[in-house]
Protein backbone atom coordinates (compact mmCIF):
# COMPACT_ATOMS: atom_id res chain seq x y z
CA MET A 1 0.00 0.00 0.00
CA ALA A 2 1.47 3.34 -1.06
CA ALA A 3 2.26 5.80 1.69
CA THR A 4 0.28 9.01 1.83
CA ILE A 5 2.60 12.03 1.77
CA PRO A 6 1.00 15.07 3.39
CA PRO A 7 1.20 18.34 1.44
CA PRO A 8 3.68 20.92 2.74
CA THR A 9 2.36 23.36 5.29
CA GLN A 10 1.66 26.70 3.68
CA PRO A 11 0.91 30.07 5.28
CA THR A 12 -2.60 31.45 5.10
CA LEU A 13 -2.76 34.51 2.87
CA ASP A 14 -4.88 37.57 3.50
CA THR A 15 -6.74 37.63 0.18
CA THR A 16 -7.46 41.37 0.13
CA LEU A 17 -3.87 42.27 1.00
CA THR A 18 -2.36 39.79 -1.46
CA ILE A 19 -4.47 41.08 -4.35
CA ALA A 20 -3.60 44.67 -3.40
CA LEU A 21 0.10 43.78 -3.58
CA ALA A 22 -0.38 42.05 -6.94
CA VAL A 23 -2.11 45.18 -8.27
CA ALA A 24 0.76 47.30 -6.94
CA SER A 25 3.32 45.03 -8.64
CA LYS A 26 1.44 45.35 -11.94
CA ALA A 27 1.36 49.14 -11.52
CA ALA A 28 5.16 49.17 -11.22
CA TYR A 29 5.36 47.70 -14.74
CA ASP A 30 2.93 50.37 -15.96
CA TYR A 31 5.17 53.04 -14.43
CA TYR A 32 8.15 51.72 -16.41
CA ASN A 33 6.16 51.52 -19.65
CA GLY A 34 4.60 54.96 -19.28
CA ASP A 35 1.07 53.54 -19.04
CA PRO A 36 -1.68 54.83 -16.71
CA ILE A 37 -1.15 53.61 -13.15
CA THR A 38 -4.00 51.88 -11.31
CA PRO A 39 -3.30 51.83 -7.56
CA PRO A 40 -4.62 49.12 -5.22
CA GLN A 41 -8.08 49.85 -3.86
CA GLY A 42 -7.90 52.36 -1.01
CA TYR A 43 -4.34 53.43 -1.89
CA THR A 44 -2.82 56.42 -3.69
CA GLN A 45 0.47 56.42 -5.57
CA VAL A 46 2.69 58.98 -3.84
CA ASP A 47 6.27 58.37 -5.01
CA GLU A 48 8.63 56.28 -7.12
CA TRP A 49 12.25 55.18 -7.53
CA THR A 50 14.71 54.07 -10.19
CA GLY A 51 17.63 51.65 -10.54
CA TRP A 52 20.73 51.22 -12.65
CA ASP A 53 20.95 48.45 -15.26
CA ALA A 54 24.61 47.99 -16.21
CA PHE A 55 25.83 46.56 -19.52
CA LEU A 56 29.58 46.11 -19.92
CA PHE A 57 30.99 49.66 -19.61
CA THR A 58 27.67 51.45 -19.95
CA GLY A 59 24.08 51.03 -18.80
CA SER A 60 20.78 52.79 -18.25
CA GLU A 61 18.80 54.32 -15.39
CA GLU A 62 15.37 52.71 -15.43
CA LYS A 63 12.09 53.20 -13.58
CA TYR A 64 11.71 50.38 -11.07
CA GLY A 65 9.16 50.96 -8.34
CA LEU A 66 6.25 52.81 -6.82
CA VAL A 67 5.17 53.90 -3.35
CA PHE A 68 1.49 53.68 -2.40
CA GLN A 69 -0.13 55.10 0.73
CA GLN A 70 -3.38 53.85 2.24
CA GLY A 71 -5.51 56.97 2.72
CA ASP A 72 -3.80 59.33 5.16
CA SER A 73 -2.51 56.49 7.31
CA GLY A 74 1.00 55.28 8.01
CA THR A 75 0.44 52.14 5.90
CA PHE A 76 2.49 52.00 2.71
CA ILE A 77 3.28 49.59 -0.13
CA PHE A 78 6.68 49.59 -1.86
CA ALA A 79 6.27 47.70 -5.16
CA PHE A 80 9.09 46.60 -7.49
CA ARG A 81 8.61 45.72 -11.15
CA GLY A 82 10.18 42.70 -12.81
CA THR A 83 12.07 42.10 -16.04
CA ASP A 84 10.83 44.41 -18.79
CA SER A 85 13.89 45.44 -20.82
CA ASP A 86 16.86 43.83 -22.57
CA LEU A 87 19.19 45.20 -19.90
CA ASP A 88 17.06 43.59 -17.18
CA GLY A 89 17.55 40.25 -18.92
CA TRP A 90 21.32 40.82 -18.96
CA GLU A 91 21.30 41.39 -15.20
CA ASP A 92 19.06 38.35 -14.61
CA VAL A 93 21.70 35.93 -15.89
CA HIS A 94 24.55 37.27 -13.72
CA PHE A 95 24.53 34.22 -11.46
CA ILE A 96 28.02 34.73 -10.02
CA THR A 97 27.55 35.83 -6.41
CA THR A 98 28.78 38.85 -4.52
CA GLY A 99 28.73 39.81 -0.85
CA PHE A 100 25.66 41.58 0.53
CA ALA A 101 26.46 44.55 2.80
CA PRO A 102 23.55 46.26 4.60
CA TYR A 103 22.87 49.99 4.24
CA GLN A 104 23.68 50.44 7.94
CA GLY A 105 25.01 48.08 10.56
CA SER A 106 26.56 44.73 9.72
CA ILE A 107 25.81 41.05 9.30
CA ASN A 108 28.16 38.13 9.81
CA PRO A 109 28.88 35.94 7.96
CA THR A 110 28.40 37.95 4.77
CA PRO A 111 25.46 36.62 2.71
CA GLU A 112 26.31 35.78 -0.89
CA VAL A 113 23.74 37.02 -3.44
CA SER A 114 23.33 37.32 -7.20
CA SER A 115 25.68 40.00 -8.55
CA GLY A 116 23.06 40.90 -11.19
CA PHE A 117 20.24 41.55 -8.71
CA TYR A 118 22.58 43.27 -6.25
CA GLY A 119 24.03 45.44 -9.01
CA ILE A 120 20.59 46.87 -9.83
CA TYR A 121 19.92 47.44 -6.14
CA ASP A 122 23.24 49.04 -5.18
CA SER A 123 24.77 50.65 -8.28
CA ILE A 124 24.83 54.25 -9.53
CA GLY A 125 25.32 55.25 -13.15
CA GLY A 126 24.66 57.96 -15.67
CA SER A 127 23.16 61.07 -14.08
CA MET A 128 21.94 59.21 -10.99
CA THR A 129 22.81 60.81 -7.66
CA GLN A 130 21.49 57.93 -5.53
CA SER A 131 21.40 54.17 -5.99
CA MET A 132 18.10 52.33 -5.76
CA ARG A 133 19.03 51.36 -2.20
CA GLN A 134 19.72 54.98 -1.22
CA GLN A 135 16.46 56.13 -2.80
CA LEU A 136 14.51 53.49 -0.88
CA PHE A 137 15.95 54.47 2.48
CA ALA A 138 15.35 58.15 1.66
CA LEU A 139 11.70 57.26 1.01
CA ILE A 140 11.51 55.46 4.35
CA ALA A 141 12.88 58.57 6.05
CA LYS A 142 10.44 60.78 4.13
CA TYR A 143 7.25 58.85 4.89
CA GLN A 144 8.20 57.03 8.12
CA PRO A 145 5.69 54.20 7.62
CA THR A 146 4.17 52.56 10.67
CA GLN A 147 3.24 49.51 8.55
CA LEU A 148 5.11 48.67 5.38
CA TYR A 149 4.27 46.03 2.78
CA VAL A 150 7.05 45.18 0.32
CA THR A 151 6.23 43.36 -2.89
CA GLY A 152 7.36 42.66 -6.42
CA HIS A 153 7.07 40.22 -9.32
CA SER A 154 9.89 38.10 -10.81
CA LEU A 155 13.05 40.25 -10.84
CA GLY A 156 11.08 42.72 -8.70
CA ALA A 157 10.43 39.97 -6.16
CA ALA A 158 14.18 39.34 -5.90
CA LEU A 159 14.84 43.05 -5.39
CA SER A 160 12.08 43.23 -2.80
CA GLN A 161 13.78 40.52 -0.73
CA LEU A 162 17.13 42.32 -0.87
CA PHE A 163 15.37 45.42 0.44
CA SER A 164 13.49 43.51 3.15
CA LEU A 165 16.67 42.03 4.61
CA ASP A 166 18.47 45.36 4.30
CA LEU A 167 15.60 47.14 6.06
CA ALA A 168 15.44 44.56 8.86
CA ILE A 169 19.16 45.04 9.58
CA SER A 170 19.58 48.74 8.88
CA GLN A 171 16.36 50.32 10.10
CA PRO A 172 13.91 47.83 11.60
CA THR A 173 10.37 48.76 10.59
CA THR A 174 7.07 46.95 11.01
CA SER A 175 7.02 45.32 7.60
CA ALA A 176 6.00 42.24 5.65
CA ASN A 177 7.03 40.94 2.25
CA ILE A 178 4.64 39.07 -0.05
CA ASN A 179 6.26 38.57 -3.45
CA PHE A 180 5.29 36.84 -6.68
CA ALA A 181 7.19 34.37 -8.91
CA SER A 182 10.57 35.16 -7.36
CA PRO A 183 13.80 33.66 -8.60
CA MET A 184 16.27 32.67 -5.89
CA VAL A 185 18.40 35.57 -4.67
CA GLY A 186 21.39 34.01 -2.94
CA THR A 187 23.13 30.91 -1.63
CA ASP A 188 22.86 29.10 1.70
CA SER A 189 24.53 32.00 3.52
CA TRP A 190 21.79 34.31 2.23
CA GLN A 191 19.10 31.81 3.24
CA THR A 192 20.52 31.57 6.76
CA ALA A 193 20.83 35.34 7.18
CA TYR A 194 17.29 35.87 5.92
CA ALA A 195 15.80 33.21 8.20
CA ASP A 196 17.72 34.54 11.22
CA THR A 197 16.68 38.17 10.58
CA ILE A 198 13.19 38.14 9.07
CA ALA A 199 10.47 37.10 11.52
CA SER A 200 8.53 33.93 10.80
CA GLY A 201 5.52 34.72 8.62
CA ALA A 202 6.89 38.11 7.56
CA SER A 203 8.08 36.98 4.12
CA ILE A 204 5.98 34.84 1.79
CA ARG A 205 6.63 33.67 -1.78
CA VAL A 206 3.60 33.21 -4.04
CA TYR A 207 4.24 31.27 -7.23
CA ASN A 208 2.76 28.96 -9.84
CA TYR A 209 4.07 25.42 -9.42
CA TRP A 210 4.68 25.14 -13.18
CA ASP A 211 6.58 28.43 -13.48
CA TYR A 212 10.31 27.88 -14.14
CA VAL A 213 11.45 31.29 -12.84
CA PRO A 214 11.33 30.29 -9.12
CA THR A 215 13.72 27.41 -9.95
CA LEU A 216 16.39 29.83 -11.18
CA PRO A 217 19.33 30.35 -10.99
CA PRO A 218 20.21 26.74 -11.87
CA SER A 219 20.84 24.44 -8.92
CA GLN A 220 24.54 24.04 -9.72
CA PHE A 221 25.09 27.64 -8.62
CA GLY A 222 24.06 26.74 -5.06
CA TYR A 223 21.11 29.13 -4.70
CA ASP A 224 18.37 28.65 -2.08
CA ALA A 225 14.88 30.14 -1.71
CA VAL A 226 13.89 32.22 1.33
CA GLY A 227 10.65 32.96 3.15
CA GLU A 228 7.64 30.69 3.39
C-alpha cells in the first residue's frame, strides 16, 4: 500500500492584501512603460524610484518601483517591477555571487547574493545621484511608515527581498514581504541570514508550481529560496 505524503504546510494569505500587492506590482510595470497607473483599492500612488541596469561599460537608469499610501494612514506599499527590458535580462543571468552589505550596521557571515540583482539594487550610473538602495531608504525617512508592505514580481520579487533584509538590519520597521514568482536571490549563507533576521511569517513567496522562474538560478550555482 502506497504511503500518503501530506502536502507541505503553507501560510494562510490575507486575500485582500495579497491582491492589493499584486495590483501594486502590476502598476510598477505600468510606471516603467509609461502607461496609466491603477493603484490598489484604497491606496494612492505617492512616489517612485529608479535603478541602474549595467551593460559592460555602460548602462541605463530605469524606472523600477512605486510607493502607495493607504488613505492618510501610516500604511504603505513599496512595489518593485520585474524584467521588462533587454538590460534587465542581462542582469538576470549574472549568477556569479557577490557579498551583501547592509545599508547600515553589519551582518556576519556575509550573505552571498546574485551580482546581477545586487548590481541593480546598489549601483549608480549615468546622471543618478542615488542608488536604488539609497532612494529606498530616503523614502523610508520621508514617509516614516508605521506599517510597510514590500512586494514585487519576478526580478522585482528578488529586489524586494534584498530590500526587506536590508531594512530589517539597517532600520527595523514593522514590515511584511509578499512577493510573486521570485527567482532565488542568494546561496545558503543568504538563506541563513534571511531566516535569522526576518520574523517567521513576515516573508511569503507566491508562485505557480509550473513556473520555471522560481527554480532559477540553476541548482549548480548553489542558490536557495527564502521565506515561506
